[in-house]
Amino acid sequence: MAPAARKTRRKDEIKVTIAPFRSPADFKSCEEIQREVWHAPDIDIVPASLLLTSSRTGGVILGAFNNLGDMVGFVFSMPGSLSGLLIHHSHMLAVRSAYRNFDVGYKLKLAQRKEVLKRKISWITCSLDPMQPLHAYFAFGKLGAWGDSYQEDSRGERGLPADRITARWHIESGDVAQRLDAGPPRRDLRRELKQKPVINTLVEAAPGMMNSSPVKLNCSADKFLFEVPYNLPEIKNRDLGVALEWQGRMRQVFKHYFKKKYAATDFLVAEQDGHLRSFYLLEKKES
């Protein structure tokens, strides 16, 4: 009965307070959350000592605390530079499983943005896994970030490369402020498909297992869509071969079009015939 009751709770019934870490115990709690969320071995855990040092030397480390004072999530960024710009790089954002789907991560990002702006820095970057549609929707759809840099990586879990897109969040721009104020726009899928070309078609290989047609690499429209299955994480768990094919499509599309001065600027999710369809929106950069 308890899990079912929790599913029906509204987001505003989950009260959290966002604040800087308060004590050495909070830094240890951060280690525990890393283990819970990512199931990471100790060698990959960012230790409390390093987090403490970073907090004293320009890093931003904020925790989300429930009404009992327990930490349920955190965000960690550190100063750096990219293309000659002073930035904060958001290295980690994690929320305990029981507190997901209640906008805790979103509240942490808003607080991070506020803190970084206080330091007269206009950009926050992060490394985004393009094989995680929810992450893409969060960064591009909810926060208003964009990306035009793709990094290949031969490592990863279960044989899948850990490729990443560098997402850039221009936190003082008017477009970002408007997106945060109004939220992601409602999408009329029929209108979107009429207005923008789609460079691929999904093909059902098995129930719930969607593959892609060959992608078009000669698109010259100002904006176009690249469709990916909304259940990509499920596909990765069910069939590594299909997941690897999708990884190859990601590399092909993003590396090709990023070189042609396009950027991934949004992630669209819309319902059609009872199931969700999801698309990366790429558009030609103005400069």
C-alpha atoms as a PDB file:
ATOM      1  CA  MET A   1       0.000   0.000   0.000  1.00  0.00           C
ATOM      2  CA  ALA A   2       2.805   2.464   0.856  1.00  0.00           C
ATOM      3  CA  PRO A   3       4.464   2.536  -2.610  1.00  0.00           C
ATOM      4  CA  ALA A   4       1.091   3.068  -4.313  1.00  0.00           C
ATOM      5  CA  ALA A   5       0.275   5.939  -1.967  1.00  0.00           C
ATOM      6  CA  ARG A   6       3.634   7.554  -2.683  1.00  0.00           C
ATOM      7  CA  LYS A   7       2.954   7.461  -6.438  1.00  0.00           C
ATOM      8  CA  THR A   8      -0.127   9.640  -6.035  1.00  0.00           C
ATOM      9  CA  ARG A   9       1.571  12.353  -4.002  1.00  0.00           C
ATOM     10  CA  ARG A  10       1.886  15.741  -5.648  1.00  0.00           C
ATOM     11  CA  LYS A  11       5.242  17.367  -6.241  1.00  0.00           C
ATOM     12  CA  ASP A  12       4.473  20.173  -3.814  1.00  0.00           C
ATOM     13  CA  GLU A  13       4.015  17.640  -0.979  1.00  0.00           C
ATOM     14  CA  ILE A  14       7.735  16.852  -1.072  1.00  0.00           C
ATOM     15  CA  LYS A  15       9.417  19.653   0.836  1.00  0.00           C
ATOM     16  CA  VAL A  16      13.158  20.079   0.477  1.00  0.00           C
ATOM     17  CA  THR A  17      15.523  22.868   1.434  1.00  0.00           C
ATOM     18  CA  ILE A  18      18.480  23.692  -0.817  1.00  0.00           C
ATOM     19  CA  ALA A  19      21.516  24.897   1.117  1.00  0.00           C
ATOM     20  CA  PRO A  20      25.322  24.675   1.214  1.00  0.00           C
ATOM     21  CA  PHE A  21      26.785  21.703   3.044  1.00  0.00           C
ATOM     22  CA  ARG A  22      26.602  22.351   6.782  1.00  0.00           C
ATOM     23  CA  SER A  23      29.112  19.971   8.363  1.00  0.00           C
ATOM     24  CA  PRO A  24      31.684  17.226   7.630  1.00  0.00           C
ATOM     25  CA  ALA A  25      28.816  14.722   7.926  1.00  0.00           C
ATOM     26  CA  ASP A  26      27.200  16.230   4.824  1.00  0.00           C
ATOM     27  CA  PHE A  27      30.321  15.557   2.789  1.00  0.00           C
ATOM     28  CA  LYS A  28      30.223  11.909   3.901  1.00  0.00           C
ATOM     29  CA  SER A  29      26.518  11.739   3.011  1.00  0.00           C
ATOM     30  CA  CYS A  30      27.503  12.933  -0.460  1.00  0.00           C
ATOM     31  CA  GLU A  31      29.745   9.873  -0.819  1.00  0.00           C
ATOM     32  CA  GLU A  32      26.842   7.611   0.193  1.00  0.00           C
ATOM     33  CA  ILE A  33      24.504   9.186  -2.358  1.00  0.00           C
ATOM     34  CA  GLN A  34      27.086   8.646  -5.101  1.00  0.00           C
ATOM     35  CA  ARG A  35      27.209   4.936  -4.251  1.00  0.00           C
ATOM     36  CA  GLU A  36      23.421   4.652  -4.155  1.00  0.00           C
ATOM     37  CA  VAL A  37      22.721   6.510  -7.388  1.00  0.00           C
ATOM     38  CA  TRP A  38      25.548   5.281  -9.621  1.00  0.00           C
ATOM     39  CA  HIS A  39      26.521   1.993  -7.910  1.00  0.00           C
ATOM     40  CA  ALA A  40      30.063   3.218  -8.366  1.00  0.00           C
ATOM     41  CA  PRO A  41      33.135   1.449  -6.984  1.00  0.00           C
ATOM     42  CA  ASP A  42      35.056   3.369  -4.352  1.00  0.00           C
ATOM     43  CA  ILE A  43      37.779   4.303  -6.828  1.00  0.00           C
ATOM     44  CA  ASP A  44      35.211   6.352  -8.797  1.00  0.00           C
ATOM     45  CA  ILE A  45      33.677   8.097  -5.779  1.00  0.00           C
ATOM     46  CA  VAL A  46      34.604  11.774  -5.402  1.00  0.00           C
ATOM     47  CA  PRO A  47      35.796  11.714  -1.794  1.00  0.00           C
ATOM     48  CA  ALA A  48      34.649  14.020   0.992  1.00  0.00           C
ATOM     49  CA  SER A  49      38.150  15.477   1.335  1.00  0.00           C
ATOM     50  CA  LEU A  50      38.240  16.606  -2.306  1.00  0.00           C
ATOM     51  CA  LEU A  51      34.703  18.008  -2.136  1.00  0.00           C
ATOM     52  CA  LEU A  52      35.616  19.959   0.995  1.00  0.00           C
ATOM     53  CA  THR A  53      38.735  21.370  -0.661  1.00  0.00           C
ATOM     54  CA  SER A  54      36.763  22.339  -3.761  1.00  0.00           C
ATOM     55  CA  SER A  55      34.129  24.121  -1.658  1.00  0.00           C
ATOM     56  CA  ARG A  56      36.906  26.259  -0.179  1.00  0.00           C
ATOM     57  CA  THR A  57      38.508  27.066  -3.543  1.00  0.00           C
ATOM     58  CA  GLY A  58      35.632  28.206  -5.730  1.00  0.00           C
ATOM     59  CA  GLY A  59      33.498  25.099  -6.108  1.00  0.00           C
ATOM     60  CA  VAL A  60      29.728  25.179  -5.624  1.00  0.00           C
ATOM     61  CA  ILE A  61      28.375  22.285  -3.557  1.00  0.00           C
ATOM     62  CA  LEU A  62      24.725  22.410  -2.562  1.00  0.00           C
ATOM     63  CA  GLY A  63      22.592  19.813  -0.825  1.00  0.00           C
ATOM     64  CA  ALA A  64      18.864  19.102  -0.853  1.00  0.00           C
ATOM     65  CA  PHE A  65      17.620  18.361   2.683  1.00  0.00           C
ATOM     66  CA  ASN A  66      14.271  16.882   3.714  1.00  0.00           C
ATOM     67  CA  ASN A  67      12.243  18.116   6.702  1.00  0.00           C
ATOM     68  CA  LEU A  68      14.251  15.810   9.003  1.00  0.00           C
ATOM     69  CA  GLY A  69      17.498  17.431   7.899  1.00  0.00           C
ATOM     70  CA  ASP A  70      18.697  14.391   5.917  1.00  0.00           C
ATOM     71  CA  MET A  71      20.465  15.001   2.635  1.00  0.00           C
ATOM     72  CA  VAL A  72      18.499  13.541  -0.288  1.00  0.00           C
ATOM     73  CA  GLY A  73      20.490  14.997  -3.179  1.00  0.00           C
ATOM     74  CA  PHE A  74      23.335  17.306  -4.135  1.00  0.00           C
ATOM     75  CA  VAL A  75      24.896  19.226  -7.002  1.00  0.00           C
ATOM     76  CA  PHE A  76      28.625  19.918  -7.412  1.00  0.00           C
ATOM     77  CA  SER A  77      30.333  22.262  -9.882  1.00  0.00           C
ATOM     78  CA  MET A  78      33.822  23.696 -10.130  1.00  0.00           C
ATOM     79  CA  PRO A  79      35.366  26.685 -11.926  1.00  0.00           C
ATOM     80  CA  GLY A  80      37.125  26.248 -15.240  1.00  0.00           C
ATOM     81  CA  SER A  81      37.373  27.661 -18.746  1.00  0.00           C
ATOM     82  CA  LEU A  82      36.010  26.646 -22.142  1.00  0.00           C
ATOM     83  CA  SER A  83      36.777  28.361 -25.459  1.00  0.00           C
ATOM     84  CA  GLY A  84      38.248  31.282 -23.534  1.00  0.00           C
ATOM     85  CA  LEU A  85      35.168  31.708 -21.327  1.00  0.00           C
ATOM     86  CA  LEU A  86      35.169  31.483 -17.557  1.00  0.00           C
ATOM     87  CA  ILE A  87      32.687  28.743 -16.655  1.00  0.00           C
ATOM     88  CA  HIS A  88      31.494  26.480 -13.884  1.00  0.00           C
ATOM     89  CA  HIS A  89      31.511  22.821 -14.871  1.00  0.00           C
ATOM     90  CA  SER A  90      28.713  20.845 -13.227  1.00  0.00           C
ATOM     91  CA  HIS A  91      30.448  17.570 -12.434  1.00  0.00           C
ATOM     92  CA  MET A  92      27.722  15.784 -10.469  1.00  0.00           C
ATOM     93  CA  LEU A  93      23.982  15.999  -9.825  1.00  0.00           C
ATOM     94  CA  ALA A  94      22.364  13.160  -7.891  1.00  0.00           C
ATOM     95  CA  VAL A  95      19.087  12.556  -6.060  1.00  0.00           C
ATOM     96  CA  ARG A  96      18.169   9.561  -3.915  1.00  0.00           C
ATOM     97  CA  SER A  97      15.740   7.233  -5.705  1.00  0.00           C
ATOM     98  CA  ALA A  98      12.850   7.846  -3.268  1.00  0.00           C
ATOM     99  CA  TYR A  99      12.954  11.593  -4.062  1.00  0.00           C
ATOM    100  CA  ARG A 100      13.073  11.453  -7.853  1.00  0.00           C
ATOM    101  CA  ASN A 101      10.203  12.767  -9.968  1.00  0.00           C
ATOM    102  CA  PHE A 102       9.621  15.567  -7.433  1.00  0.00           C
ATOM    103  CA  ASP A 103      11.772  18.227  -9.125  1.00  0.00           C
ATOM    104  CA  VAL A 104      14.550  17.950  -6.531  1.00  0.00           C
ATOM    105  CA  GLY A 105      17.197  17.927  -9.257  1.00  0.00           C
ATOM    106  CA  TYR A 106      15.570  20.942 -10.918  1.00  0.00           C
ATOM    107  CA  LYS A 107      15.562  22.886  -7.639  1.00  0.00           C
ATOM    108  CA  LEU A 108      19.244  22.051  -7.166  1.00  0.00           C
ATOM    109  CA  LYS A 109      20.060  23.384 -10.634  1.00  0.00           C
ATOM    110  CA  LEU A 110      18.142  26.617 -10.009  1.00  0.00           C
ATOM    111  CA  ALA A 111      20.073  27.138  -6.770  1.00  0.00           C
ATOM    112  CA  GLN A 112      23.342  26.334  -8.550  1.00  0.00           C
ATOM    113  CA  ARG A 113      22.521  28.908 -11.245  1.00  0.00           C
ATOM    114  CA  LYS A 114      21.805  31.551  -8.599  1.00  0.00           C
ATOM    115  CA  GLU A 115      25.073  30.844  -6.784  1.00  0.00           C
ATOM    116  CA  VAL A 116      27.198  30.883  -9.952  1.00  0.00           C
ATOM    117  CA  LEU A 117      25.616  34.160 -11.090  1.00  0.00           C
ATOM    118  CA  LYS A 118      26.664  35.667  -7.758  1.00  0.00           C
ATOM    119  CA  ARG A 119      30.236  34.898  -8.796  1.00  0.00           C
ATOM    120  CA  LYS A 120      29.826  36.885 -12.042  1.00  0.00           C
ATOM    121  CA  ILE A 121      30.039  33.748 -14.185  1.00  0.00           C
ATOM    122  CA  SER A 122      27.589  33.403 -17.079  1.00  0.00           C
ATOM    123  CA  TRP A 123      28.027  29.781 -18.175  1.00  0.00           C
ATOM    124  CA  ILE A 124      27.561  26.346 -16.599  1.00  0.00           C
ATOM    125  CA  THR A 125      28.570  23.270 -18.574  1.00  0.00           C
ATOM    126  CA  CYS A 126      28.017  19.575 -18.013  1.00  0.00           C
ATOM    127  CA  SER A 127      28.713  16.280 -19.778  1.00  0.00           C
ATOM    128  CA  LEU A 128      25.456  14.795 -21.101  1.00  0.00           C
ATOM    129  CA  ASP A 129      24.894  11.162 -22.051  1.00  0.00           C
ATOM    130  CA  PRO A 130      22.955  11.343 -25.363  1.00  0.00           C
ATOM    131  CA  MET A 131      21.696   7.777 -24.771  1.00  0.00           C
ATOM    132  CA  GLN A 132      19.631   9.009 -21.792  1.00  0.00           C
ATOM    133  CA  PRO A 133      16.519  10.789 -23.146  1.00  0.00           C
ATOM    134  CA  LEU A 134      15.423  11.956 -19.690  1.00  0.00           C
ATOM    135  CA  HIS A 135      18.793  13.641 -19.190  1.00  0.00           C
ATOM    136  CA  ALA A 136      18.539  15.321 -22.604  1.00  0.00           C
ATOM    137  CA  TYR A 137      15.016  16.536 -21.843  1.00  0.00           C
ATOM    138  CA  PHE A 138      16.190  17.890 -18.474  1.00  0.00           C
ATOM    139  CA  ALA A 139      19.209  19.769 -19.872  1.00  0.00           C
ATOM    140  CA  PHE A 140      17.861  20.969 -23.229  1.00  0.00           C
ATOM    141  CA  GLY A 141      14.101  20.975 -22.621  1.00  0.00           C
ATOM    142  CA  LYS A 142      13.740  22.170 -19.012  1.00  0.00           C
ATOM    143  CA  LEU A 143      16.917  24.165 -18.425  1.00  0.00           C
ATOM    144  CA  GLY A 144      17.410  25.625 -21.914  1.00  0.00           C
ATOM    145  CA  ALA A 145      20.998  24.438 -22.402  1.00  0.00           C
ATOM    146  CA  TRP A 146      22.463  23.526 -25.808  1.00  0.00           C
ATOM    147  CA  GLY A 147      25.389  21.470 -27.086  1.00  0.00           C
ATOM    148  CA  ASP A 148      27.689  21.431 -30.108  1.00  0.00           C
ATOM    149  CA  SER A 149      30.614  19.277 -28.954  1.00  0.00           C
ATOM    150  CA  TYR A 150      30.702  15.455 -28.959  1.00  0.00           C
ATOM    151  CA  GLN A 151      33.306  13.311 -27.224  1.00  0.00           C
ATOM    152  CA  GLU A 152      33.809   9.617 -27.946  1.00  0.00           C
ATOM    153  CA  ASP A 153      34.877   7.323 -25.127  1.00  0.00           C
ATOM    154  CA  SER A 154      35.824   3.656 -25.330  1.00  0.00           C
ATOM    155  CA  ARG A 155      34.919   3.027 -21.705  1.00  0.00           C
ATOM    156  CA  GLY A 156      31.480   2.616 -20.192  1.00  0.00           C
ATOM    157  CA  GLU A 157      29.279  -0.054 -18.675  1.00  0.00           C
ATOM    158  CA  ARG A 158      28.211  -3.374 -20.191  1.00  0.00           C
ATOM    159  CA  GLY A 159      30.373  -2.745 -23.261  1.00  0.00           C
ATOM    160  CA  LEU A 160      28.591   0.487 -24.249  1.00  0.00           C
ATOM    161  CA  PRO A 161      30.896   3.462 -24.913  1.00  0.00           C
ATOM    162  CA  ALA A 162      30.455   6.387 -22.533  1.00  0.00           C
ATOM    163  CA  ASP A 163      30.125   9.076 -25.215  1.00  0.00           C
ATOM    164  CA  ARG A 164      29.111  12.547 -24.075  1.00  0.00           C
ATOM    165  CA  ILE A 165      27.802  15.859 -25.410  1.00  0.00           C
ATOM    166  CA  THR A 166      29.109  18.986 -23.698  1.00  0.00           C
ATOM    167  CA  ALA A 167      25.977  20.919 -22.753  1.00  0.00           C
ATOM    168  CA  ARG A 168      26.375  24.672 -22.359  1.00  0.00           C
ATOM    169  CA  TRP A 169      23.921  26.573 -20.155  1.00  0.00           C
ATOM    170  CA  HIS A 170      24.018  30.357 -20.662  1.00  0.00           C
ATOM    171  CA  ILE A 171      22.522  31.119 -17.273  1.00  0.00           C
ATOM    172  CA  GLU A 172      22.157  34.894 -17.662  1.00  0.00           C
ATOM    173  CA  SER A 173      20.533  34.855 -21.112  1.00  0.00           C
ATOM    174  CA  GLY A 174      16.981  36.005 -21.649  1.00  0.00           C
ATOM    175  CA  ASP A 175      16.057  32.774 -23.445  1.00  0.00           C
ATOM    176  CA  VAL A 176      17.126  30.702 -20.448  1.00  0.00           C
ATOM    177  CA  ALA A 177      15.270  32.965 -18.012  1.00  0.00           C
ATOM    178  CA  GLN A 178      12.117  32.649 -20.142  1.00  0.00           C
ATOM    179  CA  ARG A 179      12.417  28.849 -20.346  1.00  0.00           C
ATOM    180  CA  LEU A 180      12.845  28.583 -16.573  1.00  0.00           C
ATOM    181  CA  ASP A 181       9.897  30.895 -15.987  1.00  0.00           C
ATOM    182  CA  ALA A 182       7.469  29.346 -18.481  1.00  0.00           C
ATOM    183  CA  GLY A 183       8.722  25.770 -18.582  1.00  0.00           C
ATOM    184  CA  PRO A 184       9.163  23.625 -21.719  1.00  0.00           C
ATOM    185  CA  PRO A 185       6.673  24.639 -24.425  1.00  0.00           C
ATOM    186  CA  ARG A 186       3.775  22.337 -25.231  1.00  0.00           C
ATOM    187  CA  ARG A 187       4.451  20.547 -28.495  1.00  0.00           C
ATOM    188  CA  ASP A 188       1.943  19.852 -31.262  1.00  0.00           C
ATOM    189  CA  LEU A 189       3.691  16.893 -32.888  1.00  0.00           C
ATOM    190  CA  ARG A 190       1.813  17.178 -36.185  1.00  0.00           C
ATOM    191  CA  ARG A 191       2.805  20.813 -36.512  1.00  0.00           C
ATOM    192  CA  GLU A 192       6.420  20.105 -35.565  1.00  0.00           C
ATOM    193  CA  LEU A 193       6.670  17.335 -38.175  1.00  0.00           C
ATOM    194  CA  LYS A 194       5.186  19.624 -40.832  1.00  0.00           C
ATOM    195  CA  GLN A 195       7.520  22.504 -40.023  1.00  0.00           C
ATOM    196  CA  LYS A 196      10.773  20.599 -39.588  1.00  0.00           C
ATOM    197  CA  PRO A 197      12.301  17.716 -41.556  1.00  0.00           C
ATOM    198  CA  VAL A 198      13.149  14.488 -39.720  1.00  0.00           C
ATOM    199  CA  ILE A 199      16.444  12.893 -40.750  1.00  0.00           C
ATOM    200  CA  ASN A 200      15.500   9.319 -39.809  1.00  0.00           C
ATOM    201  CA  THR A 201      12.623   6.914 -39.236  1.00  0.00           C
ATOM    202  CA  LEU A 202      12.184   4.467 -36.373  1.00  0.00           C
ATOM    203  CA  VAL A 203      11.833   0.816 -37.342  1.00  0.00           C
ATOM    204  CA  GLU A 204      10.417  -1.777 -34.941  1.00  0.00           C
ATOM    205  CA  ALA A 205      12.849  -4.695 -34.654  1.00  0.00           C
ATOM    206  CA  ALA A 206      10.780  -6.371 -31.904  1.00  0.00           C
ATOM    207  CA  PRO A 207       8.028  -5.250 -29.489  1.00  0.00           C
ATOM    208  CA  GLY A 208       9.420  -2.249 -27.642  1.00  0.00           C
ATOM    209  CA  MET A 209      12.708  -2.439 -29.586  1.00  0.00           C
ATOM    210  CA  MET A 210      13.052   0.389 -32.074  1.00  0.00           C
ATOM    211  CA  ASN A 211      15.933   0.730 -34.469  1.00  0.00           C
ATOM    212  CA  SER A 212      16.688   3.552 -36.902  1.00  0.00           C
ATOM    213  CA  SER A 213      16.648   3.807 -40.662  1.00  0.00           C
ATOM    214  CA  PRO A 214      19.837   5.197 -42.226  1.00  0.00           C
ATOM    215  CA  VAL A 215      20.076   8.875 -41.288  1.00  0.00           C
ATOM    216  CA  LYS A 216      20.132  11.691 -43.820  1.00  0.00           C
ATOM    217  CA  LEU A 217      23.445  13.512 -43.689  1.00  0.00           C
ATOM    218  CA  ASN A 218      22.647  16.110 -46.360  1.00  0.00           C
ATOM    219  CA  CYS A 219      20.008  18.114 -44.491  1.00  0.00           C
ATOM    220  CA  SER A 220      20.514  21.869 -44.922  1.00  0.00           C
ATOM    221  CA  ALA A 221      17.381  23.157 -43.154  1.00  0.00           C
ATOM    222  CA  ASP A 222      17.851  25.749 -40.429  1.00  0.00           C
ATOM    223  CA  LYS A 223      16.184  23.335 -37.982  1.00  0.00           C
ATOM    224  CA  PHE A 224      15.585  19.597 -38.155  1.00  0.00           C
ATOM    225  CA  LEU A 225      14.669  16.659 -35.915  1.00  0.00           C
ATOM    226  CA  PHE A 226      16.519  13.449 -35.056  1.00  0.00           C
ATOM    227  CA  GLU A 227      14.185  10.851 -33.547  1.00  0.00           C
ATOM    228  CA  VAL A 228      15.352   8.467 -30.822  1.00  0.00           C
ATOM    229  CA  PRO A 229      13.367   5.905 -28.804  1.00  0.00           C
ATOM    230  CA  TYR A 230      12.120   7.309 -25.507  1.00  0.00           C
ATOM    231  CA  ASN A 231      12.889   3.923 -23.886  1.00  0.00           C
ATOM    232  CA  LEU A 232      16.577   3.857 -24.867  1.00  0.00           C
ATOM    233  CA  PRO A 233      17.705   2.849 -21.332  1.00  0.00           C
ATOM    234  CA  GLU A 234      15.349  -0.148 -21.491  1.00  0.00           C
ATOM    235  CA  ILE A 235      16.735  -1.088 -24.914  1.00  0.00           C
ATOM    236  CA  LYS A 236      20.261  -0.932 -23.500  1.00  0.00           C
ATOM    237  CA  ASN A 237      19.306  -3.378 -20.750  1.00  0.00           C
ATOM    238  CA  ARG A 238      17.468  -5.741 -23.110  1.00  0.00           C
ATOM    239  CA  ASP A 239      19.735  -5.893 -26.164  1.00  0.00           C
ATOM    240  CA  LEU A 240      23.279  -4.544 -26.145  1.00  0.00           C
ATOM    241  CA  GLY A 241      23.552  -5.019 -29.910  1.00  0.00           C
ATOM    242  CA  VAL A 242      20.631  -2.683 -30.647  1.00  0.00           C
ATOM    243  CA  ALA A 243      21.985  -0.200 -28.088  1.00  0.00           C
ATOM    244  CA  LEU A 244      25.377  -0.228 -29.831  1.00  0.00           C
ATOM    245  CA  GLU A 245      23.653   0.493 -33.149  1.00  0.00           C
ATOM    246  CA  TRP A 246      21.998   3.518 -31.536  1.00  0.00           C
ATOM    247  CA  GLN A 247      25.351   4.613 -30.131  1.00  0.00           C
ATOM    248  CA  GLY A 248      26.713   4.518 -33.666  1.00  0.00           C
ATOM    249  CA  ARG A 249      23.807   6.608 -34.947  1.00  0.00           C
ATOM    250  CA  MET A 250      24.420   9.171 -32.205  1.00  0.00           C
ATOM    251  CA  ARG A 251      28.075   9.490 -33.137  1.00  0.00           C
ATOM    252  CA  GLN A 252      27.273   9.742 -36.818  1.00  0.00           C
ATOM    253  CA  VAL A 253      24.592  12.418 -36.470  1.00  0.00           C
ATOM    254  CA  PHE A 254      26.102  14.636 -33.806  1.00  0.00           C
ATOM    255  CA  LYS A 255      29.709  14.577 -35.010  1.00  0.00           C
ATOM    256  CA  HIS A 256      28.642  15.216 -38.622  1.00  0.00           C
ATOM    257  CA  TYR A 257      26.223  18.040 -37.955  1.00  0.00           C
ATOM    258  CA  PHE A 258      28.255  19.668 -35.203  1.00  0.00           C
ATOM    259  CA  LYS A 259      31.066  20.006 -37.753  1.00  0.00           C
ATOM    260  CA  LYS A 260      28.544  21.678 -40.073  1.00  0.00           C
ATOM    261  CA  LYS A 261      27.872  24.301 -37.365  1.00  0.00           C
ATOM    262  CA  TYR A 262      24.625  22.885 -36.012  1.00  0.00           C
ATOM    263  CA  ALA A 263      23.862  22.603 -32.300  1.00  0.00           C
ATOM    264  CA  ALA A 264      21.462  20.459 -30.298  1.00  0.00           C
ATOM    265  CA  THR A 265      19.182  23.093 -28.794  1.00  0.00           C
ATOM    266  CA  ASP A 266      16.121  21.242 -27.494  1.00  0.00           C
ATOM    267  CA  PHE A 267      14.631  17.827 -26.790  1.00  0.00           C
ATOM    268  CA  LEU A 268      11.000  17.304 -27.752  1.00  0.00           C
ATOM    269  CA  VAL A 269       8.710  14.711 -26.186  1.00  0.00           C
ATOM    270  CA  ALA A 270       5.152  14.212 -27.462  1.00  0.00           C
ATOM    271  CA  GLU A 271       2.516  11.503 -27.232  1.00  0.00           C
ATOM    272  CA  GLN A 272       1.160   9.857 -30.353  1.00  0.00           C
ATOM    273  CA  ASP A 273      -1.223   6.886 -30.497  1.00  0.00           C
ATOM    274  CA  GLY A 274      -0.705   6.145 -26.828  1.00  0.00           C
ATOM    275  CA  HIS A 275       3.090   6.101 -26.804  1.00  0.00           C
ATOM    276  CA  LEU A 276       5.824   8.689 -26.403  1.00  0.00           C
ATOM    277  CA  ARG A 277       7.990   9.894 -29.250  1.00  0.00           C
ATOM    278  CA  SER A 278      11.151  11.886 -28.611  1.00  0.00           C
ATOM    279  CA  PHE A 279      13.384  13.998 -30.827  1.00  0.00           C
ATOM    280  CA  TYR A 280      16.590  15.976 -30.612  1.00  0.00           C
ATOM    281  CA  LEU A 281      16.162  19.387 -32.214  1.00  0.00           C
ATOM    282  CA  LEU A 282      19.249  20.569 -34.080  1.00  0.00           C
ATOM    283  CA  GLU A 283      19.554  24.020 -35.560  1.00  0.00           C
ATOM    284  CA  LYS A 284      22.126  26.047 -37.442  1.00  0.00           C
ATOM    285  CA  LYS A 285      24.074  28.335 -35.144  1.00  0.00           C
ATOM    286  CA  GLU A 286      23.966  32.040 -35.867  1.00  0.00           C
ATOM    287  CA  SER A 287      27.698  32.387 -35.329  1.00  0.00           C
END
